């Protein structure tokens, strides 16, 4: 991937290209500029818009 590439679309393209049937993400390293997260039991997504220099930790 290159800077400003769409992460979700890049992953979809990779899955299709490699004919992957079952998938999950174990971990990722990098930086993002915008993230949309929907937490469990929530109807509305939370949008984070800023350069995130480290990956957020969940469950700490």
PDB file of N, CA and C in Angstrom:
ATOM      1  N   UNK A   1       0.831  -1.180   0.000  1.00  0.00           N
ATOM      2  CA  UNK A   1       0.000   0.000   0.000  1.00  0.00           C
ATOM      3  C   UNK A   1       0.877   1.246   0.000  1.00  0.00           C
ATOM      4  N   UNK A   2       0.304   2.297  -0.509  1.00  0.00           N
ATOM      5  CA  UNK A   2       0.983   3.589  -0.544  1.00  0.00           C
ATOM      6  C   UNK A   2       0.213   4.577   0.326  1.00  0.00           C
ATOM      7  N   UNK A   3       0.861   5.695   0.647  1.00  0.00           N
ATOM      8  CA  UNK A   3       0.211   6.739   1.437  1.00  0.00           C
ATOM      9  C   UNK A   3      -1.104   7.141   0.779  1.00  0.00           C
ATOM     10  N   UNK A   4      -2.120   7.313   1.582  1.00  0.00           N
ATOM     11  CA  UNK A   4      -3.461   7.761   1.169  1.00  0.00           C
ATOM     12  C   UNK A   4      -4.270   6.684   0.453  1.00  0.00           C
ATOM     13  N   UNK A   5      -3.767   5.443   0.376  1.00  0.00           N
ATOM     14  CA  UNK A   5      -4.576   4.349  -0.166  1.00  0.00           C
ATOM     15  C   UNK A   5      -5.704   4.034   0.812  1.00  0.00           C
ATOM     16  N   UNK A   6      -6.823   3.589   0.299  1.00  0.00           N
ATOM     17  CA  UNK A   6      -7.961   3.205   1.120  1.00  0.00           C
ATOM     18  C   UNK A   6      -7.707   1.805   1.670  1.00  0.00           C
ATOM     19  N   UNK A   7      -7.580   1.689   2.994  1.00  0.00           N
ATOM     20  CA  UNK A   7      -7.253   0.418   3.635  1.00  0.00           C
ATOM     21  C   UNK A   7      -8.295  -0.653   3.337  1.00  0.00           C
ATOM     22  N   UNK A   8      -9.570  -0.326   3.536  1.00  0.00           N
ATOM     23  CA  UNK A   8     -10.631  -1.307   3.336  1.00  0.00           C
ATOM     24  C   UNK A   8     -10.660  -1.803   1.889  1.00  0.00           C
ATOM     25  N   UNK A   9     -10.576  -0.891   0.945  1.00  0.00           N
ATOM     26  CA  UNK A   9     -10.607  -1.279  -0.462  1.00  0.00           C
ATOM     27  C   UNK A   9      -9.372  -2.087  -0.832  1.00  0.00           C
ATOM     28  N   UNK A  10      -8.222  -1.724  -0.310  1.00  0.00           N
ATOM     29  CA  UNK A  10      -6.992  -2.474  -0.579  1.00  0.00           C
ATOM     30  C   UNK A  10      -7.098  -3.899  -0.054  1.00  0.00           C
ATOM     31  N   UNK A  11      -7.675  -4.067   1.131  1.00  0.00           N
ATOM     32  CA  UNK A  11      -7.857  -5.405   1.688  1.00  0.00           C
ATOM     33  C   UNK A  11      -8.849  -6.215   0.853  1.00  0.00           C
ATOM     34  N   UNK A  12      -9.942  -5.572   0.423  1.00  0.00           N
ATOM     35  CA  UNK A  12     -10.915  -6.261  -0.432  1.00  0.00           C
ATOM     36  C   UNK A  12     -10.267  -6.722  -1.735  1.00  0.00           C
ATOM     37  N   UNK A  13      -9.459  -5.853  -2.337  1.00  0.00           N
ATOM     38  CA  UNK A  13      -8.782  -6.202  -3.583  1.00  0.00           C
ATOM     39  C   UNK A  13      -7.831  -7.383  -3.378  1.00  0.00           C
ATOM     40  N   UNK A  14      -7.082  -7.379  -2.276  1.00  0.00           N
ATOM     41  CA  UNK A  14      -6.141  -8.452  -1.975  1.00  0.00           C
ATOM     42  C   UNK A  14      -6.872  -9.771  -1.776  1.00  0.00           C
ATOM     43  N   UNK A  15      -7.976  -9.747  -1.027  1.00  0.00           N
ATOM     44  CA  UNK A  15      -8.759 -10.960  -0.778  1.00  0.00           C
ATOM     45  C   UNK A  15      -9.279 -11.537  -2.095  1.00  0.00           C
ATOM     46  N   UNK A  16      -9.767 -10.674  -2.965  1.00  0.00           N
ATOM     47  CA  UNK A  16     -10.278 -11.135  -4.262  1.00  0.00           C
ATOM     48  C   UNK A  16      -9.150 -11.671  -5.138  1.00  0.00           C
ATOM     49  N   UNK A  17      -8.038 -10.948  -5.188  1.00  0.00           N
ATOM     50  CA  UNK A  17      -6.896 -11.339  -6.012  1.00  0.00           C
ATOM     51  C   UNK A  17      -6.333 -12.696  -5.576  1.00  0.00           C
ATOM     52  N   UNK A  18      -6.274 -12.937  -4.281  1.00  0.00           N
ATOM     53  CA  UNK A  18      -5.701 -14.181  -3.754  1.00  0.00           C
ATOM     54  C   UNK A  18      -6.751 -15.278  -3.557  1.00  0.00           C
ATOM     55  N   UNK A  19      -8.012 -14.983  -3.896  1.00  0.00           N
ATOM     56  CA  UNK A  19      -9.119 -15.934  -3.761  1.00  0.00           C
ATOM     57  C   UNK A  19      -9.215 -16.487  -2.335  1.00  0.00           C
ATOM     58  N   UNK A  20      -9.156 -15.581  -1.372  1.00  0.00           N
ATOM     59  CA  UNK A  20      -9.220 -15.957   0.049  1.00  0.00           C
ATOM     60  C   UNK A  20     -10.686 -16.090   0.443  1.00  0.00           C
ATOM     61  N   UNK A  21     -11.046 -17.209   1.064  1.00  0.00           N
ATOM     62  CA  UNK A  21     -12.433 -17.475   1.443  1.00  0.00           C
ATOM     63  C   UNK A  21     -12.713 -17.115   2.906  1.00  0.00           C
ATOM     64  N   UNK A  22     -11.825 -17.455   3.800  1.00  0.00           N
ATOM     65  CA  UNK A  22     -12.005 -17.153   5.225  1.00  0.00           C
ATOM     66  C   UNK A  22     -10.872 -16.217   5.636  1.00  0.00           C
ATOM     67  N   UNK A  23     -11.204 -15.171   6.395  1.00  0.00           N
ATOM     68  CA  UNK A  23     -10.166 -14.191   6.724  1.00  0.00           C
ATOM     69  C   UNK A  23     -10.425 -13.509   8.050  1.00  0.00           C
ATOM     70  N   UNK A  24      -9.354 -12.983   8.632  1.00  0.00           N
ATOM     71  CA  UNK A  24      -9.406 -12.120   9.802  1.00  0.00           C
ATOM     72  C   UNK A  24      -8.082 -11.373   9.881  1.00  0.00           C
ATOM     73  N   UNK A  25      -8.058 -10.288  10.604  1.00  0.00           N
ATOM     74  CA  UNK A  25      -6.834  -9.507  10.780  1.00  0.00           C
ATOM     75  C   UNK A  25      -6.333  -9.752  12.192  1.00  0.00           C
ATOM     76  N   UNK A  26      -5.117 -10.289  12.304  1.00  0.00           N
ATOM     77  CA  UNK A  26      -4.525 -10.567  13.605  1.00  0.00           C
ATOM     78  C   UNK A  26      -3.914  -9.309  14.199  1.00  0.00           C
ATOM     79  N   UNK A  27      -3.170  -8.561  13.393  1.00  0.00           N
ATOM     80  CA  UNK A  27      -2.608  -7.287  13.842  1.00  0.00           C
ATOM     81  C   UNK A  27      -2.204  -6.475  12.621  1.00  0.00           C
ATOM     82  N   UNK A  28      -1.949  -5.200  12.845  1.00  0.00           N
ATOM     83  CA  UNK A  28      -1.539  -4.319  11.757  1.00  0.00           C
ATOM     84  C   UNK A  28      -0.601  -3.253  12.298  1.00  0.00           C
ATOM     85  N   UNK A  29       0.300  -2.812  11.459  1.00  0.00           N
ATOM     86  CA  UNK A  29       1.240  -1.756  11.830  1.00  0.00           C
ATOM     87  C   UNK A  29       1.165  -0.684  10.760  1.00  0.00           C
ATOM     88  N   UNK A  30       1.141   0.559  11.168  1.00  0.00           N
ATOM     89  CA  UNK A  30       1.114   1.654  10.210  1.00  0.00           C
ATOM     90  C   UNK A  30       0.429   2.860  10.809  1.00  0.00           C
ATOM     91  N   UNK A  31       0.091   3.795   9.981  1.00  0.00           N
ATOM     92  CA  UNK A  31      -0.618   4.977  10.459  1.00  0.00           C
ATOM     93  C   UNK A  31      -1.827   5.214   9.565  1.00  0.00           C
ATOM     94  N   UNK A  32      -2.858   5.773  10.149  1.00  0.00           N
ATOM     95  CA  UNK A  32      -4.076   6.077   9.413  1.00  0.00           C
ATOM     96  C   UNK A  32      -4.449   7.522   9.661  1.00  0.00           C
ATOM     97  N   UNK A  33      -5.217   8.078   8.771  1.00  0.00           N
ATOM     98  CA  UNK A  33      -5.664   9.454   8.917  1.00  0.00           C
ATOM     99  C   UNK A  33      -7.118   9.539   9.354  1.00  0.00           C
ATOM    100  N   UNK A  34      -7.894   8.478   9.098  1.00  0.00           N
ATOM    101  CA  UNK A  34      -9.307   8.486   9.446  1.00  0.00           C
ATOM    102  C   UNK A  34      -9.729   7.054   9.748  1.00  0.00           C
ATOM    103  N   UNK A  35     -10.462   6.882  10.815  1.00  0.00           N
ATOM    104  CA  UNK A  35     -10.951   5.544  11.174  1.00  0.00           C
ATOM    105  C   UNK A  35     -12.411   5.640  11.571  1.00  0.00           C
ATOM    106  N   UNK A  36     -13.196   4.648  11.187  1.00  0.00           N
ATOM    107  CA  UNK A  36     -14.603   4.569  11.561  1.00  0.00           C
ATOM    108  C   UNK A  36     -14.782   3.271  12.322  1.00  0.00           C
ATOM    109  N   UNK A  37     -15.158   3.376  13.589  1.00  0.00           N
ATOM    110  CA  UNK A  37     -15.258   2.216  14.465  1.00  0.00           C
ATOM    111  C   UNK A  37     -16.673   2.118  15.016  1.00  0.00           C
ATOM    112  N   UNK A  38     -17.255   0.905  14.955  1.00  0.00           N
ATOM    113  CA  UNK A  38     -18.538   0.682  15.595  1.00  0.00           C
ATOM    114  C   UNK A  38     -18.300  -0.313  16.717  1.00  0.00           C
ATOM    115  N   UNK A  39     -18.457   0.171  17.934  1.00  0.00           N
ATOM    116  CA  UNK A  39     -18.244  -0.654  19.110  1.00  0.00           C
ATOM    117  C   UNK A  39     -19.432  -1.590  19.322  1.00  0.00           C
ATOM    118  N   UNK A  40     -19.195  -2.684  20.012  1.00  0.00           N
ATOM    119  CA  UNK A  40     -20.245  -3.668  20.286  1.00  0.00           C
ATOM    120  C   UNK A  40     -21.421  -3.004  20.992  1.00  0.00           C
ATOM    121  N   UNK A  41     -22.619  -3.423  20.641  1.00  0.00           N
ATOM    122  CA  UNK A  41     -23.865  -2.928  21.238  1.00  0.00           C
ATOM    123  C   UNK A  41     -24.116  -1.445  20.980  1.00  0.00           C
ATOM    124  N   UNK A  42     -23.500  -0.869  19.959  1.00  0.00           N
ATOM    125  CA  UNK A  42     -23.719   0.523  19.604  1.00  0.00           C
ATOM    126  C   UNK A  42     -24.305   0.593  18.201  1.00  0.00           C
ATOM    127  N   UNK A  43     -25.233   1.488  17.989  1.00  0.00           N
ATOM    128  CA  UNK A  43     -25.858   1.653  16.680  1.00  0.00           C
ATOM    129  C   UNK A  43     -25.043   2.610  15.810  1.00  0.00           C
ATOM    130  N   UNK A  44     -24.509   3.650  16.425  1.00  0.00           N
ATOM    131  CA  UNK A  44     -23.793   4.705  15.707  1.00  0.00           C
ATOM    132  C   UNK A  44     -22.288   4.450  15.765  1.00  0.00           C
ATOM    133  N   UNK A  45     -21.606   4.664  14.643  1.00  0.00           N
ATOM    134  CA  UNK A  45     -20.162   4.506  14.577  1.00  0.00           C
ATOM    135  C   UNK A  45     -19.463   5.747  15.116  1.00  0.00           C
ATOM    136  N   UNK A  46     -18.267   5.554  15.621  1.00  0.00           N
ATOM    137  CA  UNK A  46     -17.408   6.644  16.058  1.00  0.00           C
ATOM    138  C   UNK A  46     -16.395   6.889  14.954  1.00  0.00           C
ATOM    139  N   UNK A  47     -16.239   8.138  14.535  1.00  0.00           N
ATOM    140  CA  UNK A  47     -15.279   8.476  13.488  1.00  0.00           C
ATOM    141  C   UNK A  47     -14.115   9.214  14.127  1.00  0.00           C
ATOM    142  N   UNK A  48     -12.906   8.708  13.893  1.00  0.00           N
ATOM    143  CA  UNK A  48     -11.688   9.350  14.383  1.00  0.00           C
ATOM    144  C   UNK A  48     -11.003   9.974  13.181  1.00  0.00           C
ATOM    145  N   UNK A  49     -10.802  11.295  13.235  1.00  0.00           N
ATOM    146  CA  UNK A  49     -10.158  11.979  12.113  1.00  0.00           C
ATOM    147  C   UNK A  49      -8.952  12.734  12.642  1.00  0.00           C
ATOM    148  N   UNK A  50      -7.792  12.145  12.484  1.00  0.00           N
ATOM    149  CA  UNK A  50      -6.512  12.774  12.775  1.00  0.00           C
ATOM    150  C   UNK A  50      -5.429  11.745  12.499  1.00  0.00           C
ATOM    151  N   UNK A  51      -4.224  12.176  12.406  1.00  0.00           N
ATOM    152  CA  UNK A  51      -3.131  11.244  12.151  1.00  0.00           C
ATOM    153  C   UNK A  51      -2.848  10.475  13.427  1.00  0.00           C
ATOM    154  N   UNK A  52      -3.075   9.184  13.404  1.00  0.00           N
ATOM    155  CA  UNK A  52      -2.820   8.330  14.553  1.00  0.00           C
ATOM    156  C   UNK A  52      -1.432   7.735  14.376  1.00  0.00           C
ATOM    157  N   UNK A  53      -0.506   8.103  15.260  1.00  0.00           N
ATOM    158  CA  UNK A  53       0.873   7.665  15.086  1.00  0.00           C
ATOM    159  C   UNK A  53       1.141   6.315  15.728  1.00  0.00           C
ATOM    160  N   UNK A  54       0.297   5.880  16.632  1.00  0.00           N
ATOM    161  CA  UNK A  54       0.463   4.547  17.200  1.00  0.00           C
ATOM    162  C   UNK A  54      -0.885   3.874  17.180  1.00  0.00           C
ATOM    163  N   UNK A  55      -0.866   2.555  17.162  1.00  0.00           N
ATOM    164  CA  UNK A  55      -2.126   1.843  17.106  1.00  0.00           C
ATOM    165  C   UNK A  55      -2.819   1.909  18.455  1.00  0.00           C
ATOM    166  N   UNK A  56      -4.126   2.207  18.465  1.00  0.00           N
ATOM    167  CA  UNK A  56      -4.852   2.264  19.726  1.00  0.00           C
ATOM    168  C   UNK A  56      -4.937   0.891  20.350  1.00  0.00           C
ATOM    169  N   UNK A  57      -4.856   0.838  21.662  1.00  0.00           N
ATOM    170  CA  UNK A  57      -4.976  -0.432  22.369  1.00  0.00           C
ATOM    171  C   UNK A  57      -6.396  -0.594  22.847  1.00  0.00           C
ATOM    172  N   UNK A  58      -6.939  -1.756  22.675  1.00  0.00           N
ATOM    173  CA  UNK A  58      -8.290  -2.042  23.115  1.00  0.00           C
ATOM    174  C   UNK A  58      -8.202  -2.998  24.280  1.00  0.00           C
ATOM    175  N   UNK A  59      -8.934  -2.703  25.349  1.00  0.00           N
ATOM    176  CA  UNK A  59      -8.970  -3.578  26.505  1.00  0.00           C
ATOM    177  C   UNK A  59      -7.926  -3.264  27.555  1.00  0.00           C
ATOM    178  N   UNK A  60      -7.328  -2.088  27.494  1.00  0.00           N
ATOM    179  CA  UNK A  60      -6.356  -1.712  28.533  1.00  0.00           C
ATOM    180  C   UNK A  60      -6.932  -0.684  29.454  1.00  0.00           C
TER     181      UNK A  60
END
